[in-house]
């Protein structure tokens, strides 16, 4: 968790714990009312299928009209503890995402390895020229929070093999 996320959570926690005072419209008296936010910092488990083999290609997120890149990783974001954050291959051509796959994801022609060696990301103009397919994701499912799994790869594979993935997980695309 980044420092920004921790600071945000601390601020939200203190705001949630302090009573808010609301004036009753009929009596004019103030009422104490506690606000209880519901949120998580944990991203959902995204499982996807692509139209072609993009497992080693760098994902970027396109705008809704797919005319520009609105999100992309820094080259240093693709590696943790000396290991590339490639998606995990699952059964029947599915992949478990590790970098934020989205319904508007496209893949660059650059591999994770090539991109991770760059000192800075290419310009978005250069990246747009490296996109081969603006609609590479054929199926995308949000399978909830990672903490709900005890053995994520095996449990997802079992859902896939039992044809239950789309029944248990939320279909995004």
Protein backbone atom coordinates (compact mmCIF):
# COMPACT_ATOMS: atom_id res chain seq x y z
CA UNK A 1 0.00 0.00 0.00
CA UNK A 2 1.41 3.39 -0.98
CA UNK A 3 1.86 6.28 1.41
CA UNK A 4 -0.92 8.21 -0.37
CA UNK A 5 -3.36 5.31 0.17
CA UNK A 6 -2.43 5.07 3.85
CA UNK A 7 -2.90 8.82 4.38
CA UNK A 8 -6.24 8.69 2.57
CA UNK A 9 -7.42 5.78 4.72
CA UNK A 10 -6.37 7.58 7.93
CA UNK A 11 -8.27 10.73 6.89
CA UNK A 12 -11.37 8.75 5.94
CA UNK A 13 -11.18 6.79 9.20
CA UNK A 14 -11.08 9.95 11.31
CA UNK A 15 -13.88 11.51 9.29
CA UNK A 16 -16.00 8.39 9.71
CA UNK A 17 -15.41 8.22 13.45
CA UNK A 18 -16.32 11.85 14.16
CA UNK A 19 -20.00 12.46 14.62
CA UNK A 20 -21.59 14.63 12.00
CA UNK A 21 -24.18 17.10 13.12
CA UNK A 22 -27.24 17.60 11.01
CA UNK A 23 -29.93 20.09 11.72
CA UNK A 24 -33.42 18.63 11.90
CA UNK A 25 -35.55 20.56 9.42
CA UNK A 26 -38.70 20.51 11.57
CA UNK A 27 -37.28 21.20 15.06
CA UNK A 28 -34.19 23.19 14.12
CA UNK A 29 -32.16 21.07 16.56
CA UNK A 30 -28.88 19.47 15.59
CA UNK A 31 -28.71 15.66 15.47
CA UNK A 32 -25.63 13.50 15.81
CA UNK A 33 -25.38 11.13 12.87
CA UNK A 34 -22.42 8.87 12.16
CA UNK A 35 -21.32 8.33 8.61
CA UNK A 36 -19.99 4.82 7.92
CA UNK A 37 -18.21 4.58 4.54
CA UNK A 38 -17.95 1.24 2.80
CA UNK A 39 -14.84 0.85 0.66
CA UNK A 40 -11.84 -1.39 0.09
CA UNK A 41 -8.36 -0.66 -1.12
CA UNK A 42 -8.07 -4.10 -2.63
CA UNK A 43 -8.62 -4.37 -6.40
CA UNK A 44 -10.86 -7.10 -7.76
CA UNK A 45 -9.45 -10.33 -9.18
CA UNK A 46 -9.69 -9.89 -12.94
CA UNK A 47 -9.77 -12.95 -15.17
CA UNK A 48 -9.75 -12.49 -18.94
CA UNK A 49 -9.42 -14.07 -22.35
CA UNK A 50 -7.83 -12.28 -25.28
CA UNK A 51 -8.32 -12.61 -29.04
CA UNK A 52 -4.65 -13.46 -29.47
CA UNK A 53 -1.66 -14.31 -27.29
CA UNK A 54 -0.79 -11.14 -25.38
CA UNK A 55 0.46 -12.67 -22.12
CA UNK A 56 3.89 -11.05 -22.38
CA UNK A 57 2.69 -7.73 -23.87
CA UNK A 58 2.34 -4.50 -21.86
CA UNK A 59 -1.29 -3.49 -21.15
CA UNK A 60 -2.49 0.11 -21.46
CA UNK A 61 -5.98 1.49 -20.94
CA UNK A 62 -7.69 3.40 -23.72
CA UNK A 63 -10.37 6.07 -23.49
CA UNK A 64 -13.98 4.96 -23.98
CA UNK A 65 -13.81 5.85 -27.69
CA UNK A 66 -10.39 4.15 -27.89
CA UNK A 67 -8.79 7.21 -29.44
CA UNK A 68 -6.17 7.82 -26.74
CA UNK A 69 -4.27 6.13 -23.93
CA UNK A 70 -5.55 7.25 -20.52
CA UNK A 71 -3.46 4.95 -18.31
CA UNK A 72 -0.20 3.08 -18.68
CA UNK A 73 2.43 1.63 -16.37
CA UNK A 74 5.81 3.10 -15.64
CA UNK A 75 8.55 0.65 -16.70
CA UNK A 76 9.49 0.13 -13.03
CA UNK A 77 5.88 -0.92 -12.22
CA UNK A 78 6.20 -4.14 -14.21
CA UNK A 79 8.66 -5.83 -11.89
CA UNK A 80 8.52 -6.71 -8.20
CA UNK A 81 11.43 -8.34 -6.37
CA UNK A 82 13.19 -8.93 -9.69
CA UNK A 83 10.20 -10.76 -11.22
CA UNK A 84 8.04 -9.52 -14.08
CA UNK A 85 4.35 -9.19 -13.18
CA UNK A 86 3.15 -11.26 -16.11
CA UNK A 87 -0.42 -12.53 -15.89
CA UNK A 88 -0.86 -16.11 -14.69
CA UNK A 89 -2.05 -18.57 -17.34
CA UNK A 90 -5.21 -20.39 -16.31
CA UNK A 91 -7.24 -23.20 -17.89
CA UNK A 92 -9.01 -22.90 -21.27
CA UNK A 93 -7.03 -19.83 -22.39
CA UNK A 94 -7.93 -17.59 -19.45
CA UNK A 95 -5.44 -15.36 -17.64
CA UNK A 96 -5.29 -13.93 -14.14
CA UNK A 97 -4.35 -10.26 -14.35
CA UNK A 98 -1.68 -8.65 -12.15
CA UNK A 99 -1.52 -5.15 -13.68
CA UNK A 100 -5.05 -3.72 -13.93
CA UNK A 101 -6.75 -5.14 -17.00
CA UNK A 102 -9.87 -3.17 -17.92
CA UNK A 103 -12.59 -3.50 -20.53
CA UNK A 104 -10.77 -0.81 -22.56
CA UNK A 105 -7.36 -2.46 -22.32
CA UNK A 106 -5.12 -2.72 -25.35
CA UNK A 107 -1.68 -4.30 -25.50
CA UNK A 108 1.51 -2.76 -26.83
CA UNK A 109 3.81 -4.67 -29.14
CA UNK A 110 6.50 -4.26 -26.45
CA UNK A 111 6.99 -7.16 -24.06
CA UNK A 112 7.14 -6.72 -20.30
CA UNK A 113 10.84 -7.46 -20.43
CA UNK A 114 11.58 -4.86 -23.13
CA UNK A 115 9.40 -2.21 -21.47
CA UNK A 116 10.78 -2.83 -17.97
CA UNK A 117 14.28 -2.00 -19.24
CA UNK A 118 13.25 1.50 -20.34
CA UNK A 119 14.16 4.38 -18.02
CA UNK A 120 10.94 6.25 -18.85
CA UNK A 121 7.75 5.26 -20.64
CA UNK A 122 7.41 6.12 -24.31
CA UNK A 123 5.10 9.01 -25.15
CA UNK A 124 1.42 8.15 -25.46
CA UNK A 125 1.70 9.03 -29.15
CA UNK A 126 4.47 6.42 -29.57
CA UNK A 127 2.47 3.88 -27.56
CA UNK A 128 -0.65 4.41 -29.70
CA UNK A 129 1.43 3.46 -32.76
CA UNK A 130 2.46 0.21 -31.03
CA UNK A 131 -1.12 -1.01 -30.45
CA UNK A 132 -2.03 -3.84 -32.81
CA UNK A 133 -5.63 -4.41 -31.64
CA UNK A 134 -7.79 -1.85 -29.83
CA UNK A 135 -10.24 -4.57 -28.76
CA UNK A 136 -8.09 -7.52 -27.65
CA UNK A 137 -10.16 -8.62 -24.62
CA UNK A 138 -12.87 -11.11 -25.59
CA UNK A 139 -13.98 -11.96 -22.03
CA UNK A 140 -13.44 -10.16 -18.74
CA UNK A 141 -14.70 -11.19 -15.31
CA UNK A 142 -14.32 -9.60 -11.88
CA UNK A 143 -14.06 -12.43 -9.37
CA UNK A 144 -14.16 -10.33 -6.23
CA UNK A 145 -11.50 -9.68 -3.65
CA UNK A 146 -8.21 -11.56 -3.62
CA UNK A 147 -8.49 -12.11 0.13
CA UNK A 148 -11.53 -14.37 -0.45
CA UNK A 149 -9.28 -16.97 -2.11
CA UNK A 150 -7.09 -19.45 -0.27
CA UNK A 151 -5.41 -20.87 -3.40
CA UNK A 152 -6.32 -18.43 -6.17
CA UNK A 153 -4.87 -20.26 -9.19
CA UNK A 154 -6.37 -23.64 -8.30
CA UNK A 155 -9.72 -22.17 -7.27
CA UNK A 156 -10.04 -20.11 -10.46
CA UNK A 157 -9.01 -23.10 -12.58
CA UNK A 158 -11.67 -25.21 -10.88
CA UNK A 159 -14.32 -22.57 -11.60
CA UNK A 160 -13.22 -22.54 -15.25
CA UNK A 161 -13.18 -26.34 -15.57
CA UNK A 162 -16.60 -26.59 -13.91
CA UNK A 163 -17.96 -23.90 -16.28
CA UNK A 164 -18.86 -21.78 -13.25
CA UNK A 165 -16.58 -18.77 -13.82
CA UNK A 166 -19.31 -16.69 -15.48
CA UNK A 167 -21.88 -17.81 -12.92
CA UNK A 168 -19.78 -16.97 -9.85
CA UNK A 169 -17.89 -13.91 -11.12
CA UNK A 170 -19.26 -10.62 -12.41
CA UNK A 171 -19.08 -10.47 -16.21
CA UNK A 172 -17.58 -7.17 -17.34
CA UNK A 173 -17.24 -8.09 -21.01
